[in-house]
Amino acid sequence: MAVLIWILGILYPLIFYGAVVYFAFMEIEPWVVIVGAGAALLGLIIGFFGWKEIVPPRWRWVKGNVDLLGSRVSTALGHALYFFFIPAGVKGLIYTIELIIEKL
């Protein structure tokens, strides 16, 4: 799980860039939103269970489970948001690559 979280952390900025390009310059297709919603559910689950890989050990020493629950929920929601952007990000990156190739 730690490797998956690490790889996703590297890919998130690239996916987010592609999603911004998609939502700004392309016509929004319904299937992208539907697939994004399904991916967001998967991201919610991964974020909720992968949270322990992100929290440093000292937080567990000085905070109780109730204090850390806010971090767990916010981490899961953040992963859900990023996973929602994956289909749009891929379409946006493909569009960007096509524009670059067209200019060459």
C-alpha atoms as a PDB file:
ATOM      1  CA  MET A   1       0.000   0.000   0.000  1.00  0.00           C
ATOM      2  CA  ALA A   2       2.895   2.330   0.772  1.00  0.00           C
ATOM      3  CA  VAL A   3       4.299   1.968  -2.746  1.00  0.00           C
ATOM      4  CA  LEU A   4       0.884   2.673  -4.274  1.00  0.00           C
ATOM      5  CA  ILE A   5       0.486   5.831  -2.157  1.00  0.00           C
ATOM      6  CA  TRP A   6       4.018   6.920  -3.133  1.00  0.00           C
ATOM      7  CA  ILE A   7       3.379   6.382  -6.874  1.00  0.00           C
ATOM      8  CA  LEU A   8       0.055   8.196  -6.668  1.00  0.00           C
ATOM      9  CA  GLY A   9       1.744  11.110  -4.922  1.00  0.00           C
ATOM     10  CA  ILE A  10       4.092  11.439  -7.885  1.00  0.00           C
ATOM     11  CA  LEU A  11       1.293  11.163 -10.466  1.00  0.00           C
ATOM     12  CA  TYR A  12      -1.233  13.501  -8.782  1.00  0.00           C
ATOM     13  CA  PRO A  13       0.221  16.783 -10.136  1.00  0.00           C
ATOM     14  CA  LEU A  14       0.321  15.397 -13.670  1.00  0.00           C
ATOM     15  CA  ILE A  15      -3.269  14.104 -13.436  1.00  0.00           C
ATOM     16  CA  PHE A  16      -4.440  17.402 -11.969  1.00  0.00           C
ATOM     17  CA  TYR A  17      -2.802  19.336 -14.830  1.00  0.00           C
ATOM     18  CA  GLY A  18      -4.538  17.120 -17.366  1.00  0.00           C
ATOM     19  CA  ALA A  19      -7.882  17.558 -15.598  1.00  0.00           C
ATOM     20  CA  VAL A  20      -7.518  21.345 -15.655  1.00  0.00           C
ATOM     21  CA  VAL A  21      -6.786  21.216 -19.396  1.00  0.00           C
ATOM     22  CA  TYR A  22      -9.772  18.927 -19.961  1.00  0.00           C
ATOM     23  CA  PHE A  23     -12.272  21.021 -17.999  1.00  0.00           C
ATOM     24  CA  ALA A  24     -10.953  24.301 -19.427  1.00  0.00           C
ATOM     25  CA  PHE A  25     -10.587  23.499 -23.122  1.00  0.00           C
ATOM     26  CA  MET A  26     -12.640  20.423 -23.938  1.00  0.00           C
ATOM     27  CA  GLU A  27     -16.314  19.599 -24.007  1.00  0.00           C
ATOM     28  CA  ILE A  28     -17.248  17.683 -20.871  1.00  0.00           C
ATOM     29  CA  GLU A  29     -18.511  14.214 -21.716  1.00  0.00           C
ATOM     30  CA  PRO A  30     -20.927  12.439 -19.340  1.00  0.00           C
ATOM     31  CA  TRP A  31     -18.963   9.179 -19.303  1.00  0.00           C
ATOM     32  CA  VAL A  32     -15.902  10.980 -17.945  1.00  0.00           C
ATOM     33  CA  VAL A  33     -17.905  12.219 -14.968  1.00  0.00           C
ATOM     34  CA  ILE A  34     -19.493   8.788 -14.377  1.00  0.00           C
ATOM     35  CA  VAL A  35     -16.170   6.944 -14.528  1.00  0.00           C
ATOM     36  CA  GLY A  36     -14.674   9.667 -12.336  1.00  0.00           C
ATOM     37  CA  ALA A  37     -17.393   9.103  -9.733  1.00  0.00           C
ATOM     38  CA  GLY A  38     -16.629   5.387  -9.686  1.00  0.00           C
ATOM     39  CA  ALA A  39     -12.928   6.107  -9.383  1.00  0.00           C
ATOM     40  CA  ALA A  40     -13.682   8.537  -6.552  1.00  0.00           C
ATOM     41  CA  LEU A  41     -15.338   5.735  -4.600  1.00  0.00           C
ATOM     42  CA  LEU A  42     -12.219   3.613  -5.090  1.00  0.00           C
ATOM     43  CA  GLY A  43     -10.069   6.584  -4.040  1.00  0.00           C
ATOM     44  CA  LEU A  44     -12.162   7.026  -0.893  1.00  0.00           C
ATOM     45  CA  ILE A  45     -11.492   3.430   0.096  1.00  0.00           C
ATOM     46  CA  ILE A  46      -7.779   3.623  -0.728  1.00  0.00           C
ATOM     47  CA  GLY A  47      -7.440   6.928   1.127  1.00  0.00           C
ATOM     48  CA  PHE A  48      -9.225   5.605   4.212  1.00  0.00           C
ATOM     49  CA  PHE A  49      -7.138   2.448   4.479  1.00  0.00           C
ATOM     50  CA  GLY A  50      -3.881   3.956   3.187  1.00  0.00           C
ATOM     51  CA  TRP A  51      -4.027   6.788   5.692  1.00  0.00           C
ATOM     52  CA  LYS A  52      -1.752   4.967   8.140  1.00  0.00           C
ATOM     53  CA  GLU A  53       1.036   5.079   5.547  1.00  0.00           C
ATOM     54  CA  ILE A  54       0.902   8.882   5.453  1.00  0.00           C
ATOM     55  CA  VAL A  55       0.604   9.779   9.157  1.00  0.00           C
ATOM     56  CA  PRO A  56       3.947  10.019  10.952  1.00  0.00           C
ATOM     57  CA  PRO A  57       4.345   7.785  14.040  1.00  0.00           C
ATOM     58  CA  ARG A  58       4.608  10.663  16.505  1.00  0.00           C
ATOM     59  CA  TRP A  59       1.054  11.777  15.714  1.00  0.00           C
ATOM     60  CA  ARG A  60      -0.103   8.422  17.005  1.00  0.00           C
ATOM     61  CA  TRP A  61       1.815   8.999  20.222  1.00  0.00           C
ATOM     62  CA  VAL A  62       0.457  12.447  21.057  1.00  0.00           C
ATOM     63  CA  LYS A  63      -3.050  12.355  19.567  1.00  0.00           C
ATOM     64  CA  GLY A  64      -5.963  10.118  20.365  1.00  0.00           C
ATOM     65  CA  ASN A  65      -8.017   8.181  17.852  1.00  0.00           C
ATOM     66  CA  VAL A  66     -10.682  10.904  17.811  1.00  0.00           C
ATOM     67  CA  ASP A  67      -8.130  13.597  16.921  1.00  0.00           C
ATOM     68  CA  LEU A  68      -6.693  11.465  14.144  1.00  0.00           C
ATOM     69  CA  LEU A  69     -10.129  10.638  12.726  1.00  0.00           C
ATOM     70  CA  GLY A  70     -10.353  14.122  11.191  1.00  0.00           C
ATOM     71  CA  SER A  71      -7.077  13.507   9.398  1.00  0.00           C
ATOM     72  CA  ARG A  72      -8.223  10.089   8.217  1.00  0.00           C
ATOM     73  CA  VAL A  73     -11.466  11.443   6.778  1.00  0.00           C
ATOM     74  CA  SER A  74      -9.798  14.424   5.124  1.00  0.00           C
ATOM     75  CA  THR A  75      -7.110  12.163   3.619  1.00  0.00           C
ATOM     76  CA  ALA A  76      -9.763   9.815   2.248  1.00  0.00           C
ATOM     77  CA  LEU A  77     -11.714  12.730   0.759  1.00  0.00           C
ATOM     78  CA  GLY A  78      -8.537  14.109  -0.814  1.00  0.00           C
ATOM     79  CA  HIS A  79      -7.774  10.778  -2.457  1.00  0.00           C
ATOM     80  CA  ALA A  80     -11.387  10.546  -3.659  1.00  0.00           C
ATOM     81  CA  LEU A  81     -11.061  13.978  -5.262  1.00  0.00           C
ATOM     82  CA  TYR A  82      -7.822  13.035  -7.013  1.00  0.00           C
ATOM     83  CA  PHE A  83      -9.283   9.753  -8.239  1.00  0.00           C
ATOM     84  CA  PHE A  84     -12.300  11.634  -9.581  1.00  0.00           C
ATOM     85  CA  PHE A  85      -9.943  13.674 -11.757  1.00  0.00           C
ATOM     86  CA  ILE A  86      -8.121  10.632 -13.244  1.00  0.00           C
ATOM     87  CA  PRO A  87     -10.345  10.096 -16.335  1.00  0.00           C
ATOM     88  CA  ALA A  88     -10.462  13.825 -17.092  1.00  0.00           C
ATOM     89  CA  GLY A  89      -6.719  14.067 -16.474  1.00  0.00           C
ATOM     90  CA  VAL A  90      -5.936  11.291 -18.916  1.00  0.00           C
ATOM     91  CA  LYS A  91      -8.154  12.870 -21.595  1.00  0.00           C
ATOM     92  CA  GLY A  92      -6.538  16.268 -20.933  1.00  0.00           C
ATOM     93  CA  LEU A  93      -3.029  14.840 -21.188  1.00  0.00           C
ATOM     94  CA  ILE A  94      -3.895  13.095 -24.451  1.00  0.00           C
ATOM     95  CA  TYR A  95      -5.273  16.396 -25.769  1.00  0.00           C
ATOM     96  CA  THR A  96      -2.098  18.211 -24.703  1.00  0.00           C
ATOM     97  CA  ILE A  97       0.139  15.618 -26.361  1.00  0.00           C
ATOM     98  CA  GLU A  98      -1.919  15.848 -29.557  1.00  0.00           C
ATOM     99  CA  LEU A  99      -1.472  19.623 -29.586  1.00  0.00           C
ATOM    100  CA  ILE A 100       2.267  19.309 -29.073  1.00  0.00           C
ATOM    101  CA  ILE A 101       2.575  16.757 -31.872  1.00  0.00           C
ATOM    102  CA  GLU A 102       0.443  18.946 -34.134  1.00  0.00           C
ATOM    103  CA  LYS A 103       2.754  21.915 -33.565  1.00  0.00           C
ATOM    104  CA  LEU A 104       5.792  19.859 -34.551  1.00  0.00           C
END
